[in-house]
Amino acid sequence: MAPIVSRPWRDGDERGMEAQHVTVDERELKEFCEQVFIRLGVPPKDAKTTIDVLVLADLRGIESHGVARLPRYVNGVKAGYIKPIERSRVVKETKTTALIDGEQSLGQVVSRKGMELAIRKAKETSVGIVTVRNSNHYGIAGYYTLMALEQDMIGVSMTNAAPLVVPTFGRNAILGTNPISVAAPASRERPFVLDMATSVVPRGKLEVLDRKGLPMPPGWAVDETGRSSADPSRVLNAMAKRLGGGILPLGGEGEEHSGHKGYGLALMVDVFSGVLSGAATGLKVNAEERKPDVGHFFMALDPAAFRPLDEFRLDMDRLARELKVSPKAQGQTRIYVHGEKSFTRMERFRKEGIPLDPKVVEALKKIGSELGVKWPK
């Protein structure tokens, strides 16, 4: 593991942000985190699945959903609202659909099972749709759509979440950041991988800035008064204590910049993930309670059911190139297709190591010390 160094670390969302970080080898980081879960009674296979999701987030530059979240899962297992032994079961099923009850198991483990089932159904019937209820936080939505990509399928993944987002014209958080991921295979070009929150930012972005002592850009969130705030600590504290305020939906405040559209997308995710599965919705979703009851939605779709797969992939290439060779705005040199930056970052971090915030490293070391797991040297 390399020592702490100070240099600009640019990622697609925080350009030019100076970040002092610790670089950790992917394999060593996974081994450490897996051992933490195993010490908590999680079977090795399930520990590996969970950590694969968390580390992939860090590899793709989504540090808000990476190993920084490990304390949340550790606390959940210790408190009993996350069950270390996977107990999920299929409660209703047709040729193309299924409903899984997660039985409060680790969200990543249940969700992998859900997407695997959707893919199996899609191989048989061209489409597979699986909903999950009574689950926990499942990590990055893109992990599950990448599973569909491996089978040359289009993947869709959504989840609802604890109430953090203020509806348009509201002042209290009612909906979650409710992410959506859609992935589609290409041929020579990178596959299309959309992985986004339906809020301006996920809560993890506020936590990252709070750890670094940095202000939020205007338009990210409102405080308990319902007014835009630059103080991530104040907003996080108000949300945690249910005093009011929260993150704004995609588009920002009001309707001038289409905040109502982000609000609508967040609500749509709650319909597909929560209402359709029978999971908690809106204010009832709370990952800090004894029974979070988070809901997920997974779909796998075989393009070959509509046209030859090679033709589909070649047209995905053509569309991507059409976008990338189009005229650039003044001062810009490149147009990206969703997923490109993350794939590039993942390749670099696998070679150079994964950069982690020193405060995250200290939190991980503390957990390791408590459970007798040594931090990699």
Protein backbone atom coordinates (compact mmCIF):
# COMPACT_ATOMS: atom_id res chain seq x y z
CA MET A 1 0.00 0.00 0.00
CA ALA A 2 1.37 3.39 -0.97
CA PRO A 3 1.76 6.15 1.64
CA ILE A 4 -0.57 9.11 1.89
CA VAL A 5 0.10 11.53 -0.93
CA SER A 6 -1.36 14.86 -1.88
CA ARG A 7 -2.26 15.56 -5.48
CA PRO A 8 -5.25 16.68 -7.50
CA TRP A 9 -7.64 13.78 -7.99
CA ARG A 10 -10.04 14.55 -10.79
CA ASP A 11 -13.23 12.63 -11.18
CA GLY A 12 -16.13 13.38 -13.46
CA ASP A 13 -18.17 15.06 -10.75
CA GLU A 14 -15.52 16.84 -8.68
CA ARG A 15 -13.08 18.27 -11.25
CA GLY A 16 -9.98 19.78 -9.84
CA MET A 17 -10.91 18.99 -6.24
CA GLU A 18 -7.73 18.68 -4.20
CA ALA A 19 -7.92 15.42 -2.32
CA GLN A 20 -5.35 13.92 0.02
CA HIS A 21 -5.87 10.19 -0.28
CA VAL A 22 -4.51 6.77 0.56
CA THR A 23 -3.96 4.41 -2.36
CA VAL A 24 -4.90 0.78 -1.69
CA ASP A 25 -4.52 -2.26 -3.92
CA GLU A 26 -7.88 -3.64 -5.07
CA ARG A 27 -7.14 -7.22 -4.03
CA GLU A 28 -5.88 -6.25 -0.58
CA LEU A 29 -8.85 -3.96 0.02
CA LYS A 30 -11.26 -6.72 -0.92
CA GLU A 31 -9.53 -9.25 1.32
CA PHE A 32 -9.67 -6.89 4.29
CA CYS A 33 -13.35 -6.04 3.85
CA GLU A 34 -14.34 -9.65 3.18
CA GLN A 35 -12.67 -10.74 6.41
CA VAL A 36 -14.62 -8.07 8.28
CA PHE A 37 -17.89 -9.57 7.07
CA ILE A 38 -16.75 -13.13 7.69
CA ARG A 39 -15.95 -12.20 11.31
CA LEU A 40 -19.54 -10.96 11.57
CA GLY A 41 -20.90 -14.35 10.49
CA VAL A 42 -21.41 -13.66 6.79
CA PRO A 43 -20.60 -16.71 4.62
CA PRO A 44 -17.45 -16.18 2.48
CA LYS A 45 -19.38 -16.30 -0.83
CA ASP A 46 -21.84 -13.64 0.34
CA ALA A 47 -19.05 -11.53 1.83
CA LYS A 48 -17.30 -11.61 -1.55
CA THR A 49 -20.48 -10.55 -3.41
CA THR A 50 -21.08 -7.64 -1.05
CA ILE A 51 -17.51 -6.40 -1.23
CA ASP A 52 -17.40 -6.82 -5.01
CA VAL A 53 -20.25 -4.30 -5.22
CA LEU A 54 -18.62 -1.83 -2.81
CA VAL A 55 -15.17 -1.98 -4.37
CA LEU A 56 -16.59 -1.71 -7.89
CA ALA A 57 -18.14 1.59 -6.79
CA ASP A 58 -14.70 2.86 -5.73
CA LEU A 59 -13.11 1.54 -8.91
CA ARG A 60 -15.65 3.40 -11.03
CA GLY A 61 -15.14 6.59 -9.04
CA ILE A 62 -18.40 6.45 -7.08
CA GLU A 63 -16.69 6.87 -3.70
CA SER A 64 -19.98 7.81 -2.07
CA HIS A 65 -21.12 4.17 -2.45
CA GLY A 66 -17.79 2.41 -1.98
CA VAL A 67 -16.06 0.99 1.07
CA ALA A 68 -16.87 4.23 2.88
CA ARG A 69 -20.26 2.55 3.40
CA LEU A 70 -18.76 -0.45 5.20
CA PRO A 71 -19.48 0.95 8.70
CA ARG A 72 -23.15 1.21 7.75
CA TYR A 73 -23.35 -2.50 6.94
CA VAL A 74 -21.28 -3.51 9.95
CA ASN A 75 -23.58 -1.54 12.24
CA GLY A 76 -26.62 -3.04 10.53
CA VAL A 77 -25.43 -6.60 11.11
CA LYS A 78 -24.55 -5.82 14.71
CA ALA A 79 -27.93 -4.16 15.31
CA GLY A 80 -29.76 -7.09 13.75
CA TYR A 81 -31.60 -5.33 10.93
CA ILE A 82 -29.22 -6.83 8.37
CA LYS A 83 -29.12 -10.62 8.59
CA PRO A 84 -25.65 -12.08 8.02
CA ILE A 85 -27.03 -15.35 6.66
CA GLU A 86 -28.93 -14.88 3.37
CA ARG A 87 -32.54 -15.98 3.83
CA SER A 88 -34.32 -14.57 0.76
CA ARG A 89 -37.06 -16.57 -0.95
CA VAL A 90 -39.16 -16.35 -4.10
CA VAL A 91 -42.76 -15.77 -3.01
CA LYS A 92 -44.42 -15.44 -6.43
CA GLU A 93 -43.25 -16.41 -9.91
CA THR A 94 -44.30 -16.65 -13.55
CA LYS A 95 -42.28 -17.52 -16.66
CA THR A 96 -41.13 -13.91 -17.03
CA THR A 97 -41.47 -12.42 -13.55
CA ALA A 98 -40.70 -13.10 -9.91
CA LEU A 99 -41.11 -11.45 -6.52
CA ILE A 100 -38.40 -12.07 -3.93
CA ASP A 101 -38.70 -11.43 -0.20
CA GLY A 102 -35.23 -10.46 0.96
CA GLU A 103 -35.94 -11.38 4.59
CA GLN A 104 -33.66 -8.50 5.65
CA SER A 105 -30.58 -10.10 4.12
CA LEU A 106 -27.65 -8.11 2.75
CA GLY A 107 -29.02 -6.06 -0.12
CA GLN A 108 -26.13 -6.88 -2.45
CA VAL A 109 -26.57 -10.62 -2.00
CA VAL A 110 -30.33 -10.54 -2.54
CA SER A 111 -29.97 -8.21 -5.51
CA ARG A 112 -27.41 -10.37 -7.28
CA LYS A 113 -29.80 -13.27 -6.84
CA GLY A 114 -32.60 -11.12 -8.26
CA MET A 115 -30.69 -10.09 -11.38
CA GLU A 116 -29.42 -13.64 -11.93
CA LEU A 117 -33.03 -14.81 -11.91
CA ALA A 118 -34.07 -12.05 -14.31
CA ILE A 119 -31.26 -13.06 -16.69
CA ARG A 120 -32.25 -16.74 -16.56
CA LYS A 121 -35.81 -15.85 -17.40
CA ALA A 122 -34.68 -13.57 -20.23
CA LYS A 123 -32.66 -16.43 -21.73
CA GLU A 124 -35.84 -18.53 -21.80
CA THR A 125 -38.48 -15.94 -22.70
CA SER A 126 -36.47 -12.89 -23.93
CA VAL A 127 -37.42 -10.80 -20.90
CA GLY A 128 -37.10 -11.27 -17.16
CA ILE A 129 -38.40 -8.92 -14.47
CA VAL A 130 -37.76 -9.42 -10.77
CA THR A 131 -38.84 -7.23 -7.88
CA VAL A 132 -37.52 -7.46 -4.32
CA ARG A 133 -39.03 -6.36 -1.03
CA ASN A 134 -37.83 -6.45 2.58
CA SER A 135 -34.22 -5.84 1.57
CA ASN A 136 -31.42 -3.46 2.53
CA HIS A 137 -29.25 -0.91 0.71
CA TYR A 138 -27.88 -2.63 -2.43
CA GLY A 139 -24.91 -0.45 -3.37
CA ILE A 140 -24.51 0.96 -6.88
CA ALA A 141 -27.32 0.26 -9.32
CA GLY A 142 -24.81 -0.22 -12.15
CA TYR A 143 -23.36 -3.42 -10.68
CA TYR A 144 -26.52 -5.31 -11.59
CA THR A 145 -26.91 -3.91 -15.10
CA LEU A 146 -23.29 -4.84 -15.79
CA MET A 147 -24.31 -8.42 -14.98
CA ALA A 148 -26.83 -8.27 -17.85
CA LEU A 149 -24.16 -6.83 -20.16
CA GLU A 150 -22.02 -9.92 -19.56
CA GLN A 151 -24.84 -11.91 -21.17
CA ASP A 152 -25.27 -9.50 -24.13
CA MET A 153 -28.51 -8.23 -22.65
CA ILE A 154 -29.96 -4.86 -21.81
CA GLY A 155 -30.15 -4.47 -18.05
CA VAL A 156 -32.30 -2.22 -15.89
CA SER A 157 -31.83 -1.75 -12.15
CA MET A 158 -33.65 0.55 -9.72
CA THR A 159 -34.04 0.83 -5.97
CA ASN A 160 -35.88 3.07 -3.57
CA ALA A 161 -34.12 4.41 -0.50
CA ALA A 162 -34.53 6.24 2.79
CA PRO A 163 -36.26 9.64 2.46
CA LEU A 164 -33.62 12.24 1.61
CA VAL A 165 -35.12 14.13 -1.32
CA VAL A 166 -37.46 17.10 -1.08
CA PRO A 167 -40.33 17.05 -3.60
CA THR A 168 -40.72 20.09 -5.86
CA PHE A 169 -42.20 22.98 -3.82
CA GLY A 170 -41.73 20.99 -0.58
CA ARG A 171 -39.40 21.47 2.39
CA ASN A 172 -39.29 17.97 3.93
CA ALA A 173 -37.58 14.92 2.45
CA ILE A 174 -40.15 12.34 1.34
CA LEU A 175 -38.45 10.26 -1.37
CA GLY A 176 -35.07 8.59 -1.62
CA THR A 177 -32.29 9.40 -4.06
CA ASN A 178 -33.80 6.42 -5.92
CA PRO A 179 -31.15 5.55 -8.53
CA ILE A 180 -31.67 4.16 -12.02
CA SER A 181 -29.19 2.20 -14.09
CA VAL A 182 -29.64 1.09 -17.69
CA ALA A 183 -26.93 -0.73 -19.64
CA ALA A 184 -26.85 -1.84 -23.28
CA PRO A 185 -24.13 -3.76 -25.15
CA ALA A 186 -22.16 -2.34 -28.05
CA SER A 187 -19.54 -3.85 -30.37
CA ARG A 188 -16.25 -1.94 -30.69
CA GLU A 189 -17.38 1.04 -28.62
CA ARG A 190 -17.82 0.99 -24.86
CA PRO A 191 -21.24 -0.27 -23.76
CA PHE A 192 -23.80 2.32 -22.70
CA VAL A 193 -23.99 2.31 -18.89
CA LEU A 194 -26.21 4.90 -17.27
CA ASP A 195 -26.00 4.88 -13.48
CA MET A 196 -27.55 7.90 -11.82
CA ALA A 197 -29.44 9.12 -8.81
CA THR A 198 -32.74 10.86 -9.49
CA SER A 199 -31.62 13.61 -7.12
CA VAL A 200 -29.07 16.31 -7.94
CA VAL A 201 -26.56 14.20 -6.00
CA PRO A 202 -26.68 11.13 -3.72
CA ARG A 203 -26.32 11.63 0.02
CA GLY A 204 -22.84 10.15 -0.22
CA LYS A 205 -21.66 13.23 -2.11
CA LEU A 206 -22.69 15.40 0.84
CA GLU A 207 -20.87 13.00 3.18
CA VAL A 208 -17.73 13.21 1.03
CA LEU A 209 -17.73 17.03 1.19
CA ASP A 210 -18.51 16.96 4.91
CA ARG A 211 -15.53 14.66 5.55
CA LYS A 212 -13.30 17.02 3.58
CA GLY A 213 -14.69 20.15 5.22
CA LEU A 214 -15.80 21.58 1.88
CA PRO A 215 -18.97 23.54 1.00
CA MET A 216 -21.66 22.28 -1.35
CA PRO A 217 -22.27 23.96 -4.71
CA PRO A 218 -25.49 26.01 -4.79
CA GLY A 219 -28.59 24.06 -5.75
CA TRP A 220 -27.63 20.71 -4.26
CA ALA A 221 -29.74 20.75 -1.11
CA VAL A 222 -31.94 22.81 1.18
CA ASP A 223 -31.74 23.13 4.97
CA GLU A 224 -34.59 22.81 7.46
CA THR A 225 -35.96 26.19 6.37
CA GLY A 226 -36.39 24.97 2.80
CA ARG A 227 -33.70 27.35 1.52
CA SER A 228 -30.64 26.39 -0.49
CA SER A 229 -27.62 25.67 1.73
CA ALA A 230 -23.87 25.31 1.15
CA ASP A 231 -23.28 23.56 4.49
CA PRO A 232 -23.32 19.75 4.06
CA SER A 233 -23.01 19.17 7.80
CA ARG A 234 -26.11 21.24 8.55
CA VAL A 235 -28.17 19.49 5.88
CA LEU A 236 -27.01 16.01 6.91
CA ASN A 237 -27.76 16.75 10.56
CA ALA A 238 -31.22 18.11 9.75
CA MET A 239 -32.03 15.05 7.65
CA ALA A 240 -30.76 12.63 10.29
CA LYS A 241 -32.89 14.27 12.98
CA ARG A 242 -35.89 14.71 10.67
CA LEU A 243 -35.85 18.48 11.23
CA GLY A 244 -36.66 19.21 7.59
CA GLY A 245 -34.73 19.97 4.45
CA GLY A 246 -33.00 17.52 2.17
CA ILE A 247 -31.41 16.95 -1.20
CA LEU A 248 -33.07 18.48 -4.26
CA PRO A 249 -34.43 16.35 -7.12
CA LEU A 250 -32.54 16.24 -10.40
CA GLY A 251 -32.90 19.68 -11.96
CA GLY A 252 -32.85 21.57 -8.68
CA GLU A 253 -35.34 23.90 -7.03
CA GLY A 254 -38.76 24.57 -8.48
CA GLU A 255 -39.68 24.08 -12.13
CA GLU A 256 -37.40 26.62 -13.83
CA HIS A 257 -34.66 24.03 -14.36
CA SER A 258 -37.05 21.05 -14.47
CA GLY A 259 -36.70 19.92 -10.87
CA HIS A 260 -40.21 18.51 -11.20
CA LYS A 261 -38.88 16.03 -13.77
CA GLY A 262 -36.28 14.66 -11.36
CA TYR A 263 -39.02 14.50 -8.75
CA GLY A 264 -41.15 12.50 -11.20
CA LEU A 265 -38.31 10.08 -11.92
CA ALA A 266 -37.75 9.50 -8.20
CA LEU A 267 -41.43 8.80 -7.75
CA MET A 268 -41.40 6.42 -10.74
CA VAL A 269 -38.57 4.43 -9.13
CA ASP A 270 -40.60 4.16 -5.92
CA VAL A 271 -43.54 2.84 -7.93
CA PHE A 272 -41.47 0.13 -9.65
CA SER A 273 -39.28 -0.76 -6.67
CA GLY A 274 -41.62 -0.20 -3.74
CA VAL A 275 -45.27 -0.24 -4.75
CA LEU A 276 -44.90 -3.06 -7.28
CA SER A 277 -42.96 -5.30 -4.89
CA GLY A 278 -44.96 -4.41 -1.79
CA ALA A 279 -41.88 -2.94 -0.09
CA ALA A 280 -41.92 0.24 1.95
CA THR A 281 -42.30 3.51 0.04
CA GLY A 282 -41.71 7.19 0.71
CA LEU A 283 -41.37 8.00 4.40
CA LYS A 284 -41.62 4.34 5.41
CA VAL A 285 -38.27 3.49 3.84
CA ASN A 286 -35.60 4.07 6.44
CA ALA A 287 -32.34 2.16 6.45
CA GLU A 288 -31.68 3.12 10.07
CA GLU A 289 -34.76 1.36 11.40
CA ARG A 290 -34.91 -2.25 12.58
CA LYS A 291 -36.69 -3.20 9.35
CA PRO A 292 -35.68 -0.97 6.43
CA ASP A 293 -37.84 -2.89 3.86
CA VAL A 294 -36.05 -1.46 0.83
CA GLY A 295 -37.47 -2.42 -2.58
CA HIS A 296 -35.56 -3.17 -5.81
CA PHE A 297 -36.46 -3.67 -9.49
CA PHE A 298 -34.43 -5.67 -12.02
CA MET A 299 -35.02 -6.33 -15.69
CA ALA A 300 -33.01 -8.23 -18.29
CA LEU A 301 -34.01 -7.86 -21.93
CA ASP A 302 -32.58 -9.84 -24.86
CA PRO A 303 -32.06 -7.55 -27.89
CA ALA A 304 -32.04 -10.64 -30.12
CA ALA A 305 -35.77 -10.95 -29.49
CA PHE A 306 -36.19 -7.87 -31.69
CA ARG A 307 -33.35 -8.07 -34.22
CA PRO A 308 -30.00 -9.83 -34.76
CA LEU A 309 -27.69 -9.08 -31.85
CA ASP A 310 -24.77 -8.08 -34.10
CA GLU A 311 -26.94 -5.50 -35.84
CA PHE A 312 -28.05 -4.09 -32.51
CA ARG A 313 -24.46 -3.82 -31.26
CA LEU A 314 -23.25 -2.18 -34.48
CA ASP A 315 -26.04 0.40 -34.29
CA MET A 316 -25.07 1.12 -30.68
CA ASP A 317 -21.54 1.77 -31.99
CA ARG A 318 -22.84 4.08 -34.71
CA LEU A 319 -24.95 6.06 -32.26
CA ALA A 320 -22.04 6.43 -29.83
CA ARG A 321 -19.67 7.61 -32.57
CA GLU A 322 -22.27 10.03 -33.91
CA LEU A 323 -22.40 11.66 -30.50
CA LYS A 324 -18.64 11.70 -29.92
CA VAL A 325 -17.65 13.17 -33.31
CA SER A 326 -20.29 15.89 -33.19
CA PRO A 327 -19.07 19.53 -32.78
CA LYS A 328 -17.77 20.35 -29.30
CA ALA A 329 -18.77 23.35 -27.24
CA GLN A 330 -16.19 26.13 -27.04
CA GLY A 331 -13.38 25.10 -24.72
CA GLN A 332 -14.33 21.42 -24.76
CA THR A 333 -12.37 18.64 -26.44
CA ARG A 334 -14.50 15.54 -25.95
CA ILE A 335 -18.08 14.31 -25.69
CA TYR A 336 -18.58 11.22 -23.56
CA VAL A 337 -21.15 8.44 -23.69
CA HIS A 338 -22.41 7.28 -20.29
CA GLY A 339 -20.07 4.74 -18.73
CA GLU A 340 -16.92 5.73 -20.63
CA LYS A 341 -15.37 7.74 -17.80
CA SER A 342 -16.09 4.99 -15.29
CA PHE A 343 -14.52 2.27 -17.44
CA THR A 344 -11.40 4.39 -17.95
CA ARG A 345 -11.17 5.18 -14.25
CA MET A 346 -11.65 1.52 -13.34
CA GLU A 347 -8.76 0.45 -15.56
CA ARG A 348 -6.50 3.11 -14.05
CA PHE A 349 -7.39 2.35 -10.44
CA ARG A 350 -6.83 -1.36 -11.00
CA LYS A 351 -3.28 -0.56 -12.10
CA GLU A 352 -2.45 2.28 -9.70
CA GLY A 353 -4.57 1.38 -6.68
CA ILE A 354 -7.86 2.73 -5.35
CA PRO A 355 -7.72 6.21 -3.75
CA LEU A 356 -9.51 6.41 -0.40
CA ASP A 357 -10.13 9.40 1.82
CA PRO A 358 -7.91 9.19 4.96
CA LYS A 359 -11.02 9.47 7.17
CA VAL A 360 -12.50 6.45 5.41
CA VAL A 361 -9.27 4.54 5.98
CA GLU A 362 -9.30 5.41 9.68
CA ALA A 363 -12.92 4.21 9.96
CA LEU A 364 -11.99 0.93 8.26
CA LYS A 365 -8.94 0.47 10.49
CA LYS A 366 -11.11 0.99 13.56
CA ILE A 367 -13.57 -1.66 12.41
CA GLY A 368 -10.69 -4.02 11.64
CA SER A 369 -9.17 -3.45 15.06
CA GLU A 370 -12.46 -4.22 16.78
CA LEU A 371 -12.91 -7.45 14.81
CA GLY A 372 -9.28 -8.57 14.73
CA VAL A 373 -8.74 -7.95 11.01
CA LYS A 374 -5.40 -6.38 10.06
CA TRP A 375 -5.29 -3.46 7.65
CA PRO A 376 -3.08 -4.25 4.62
CA LYS A 377 0.51 -3.05 4.83
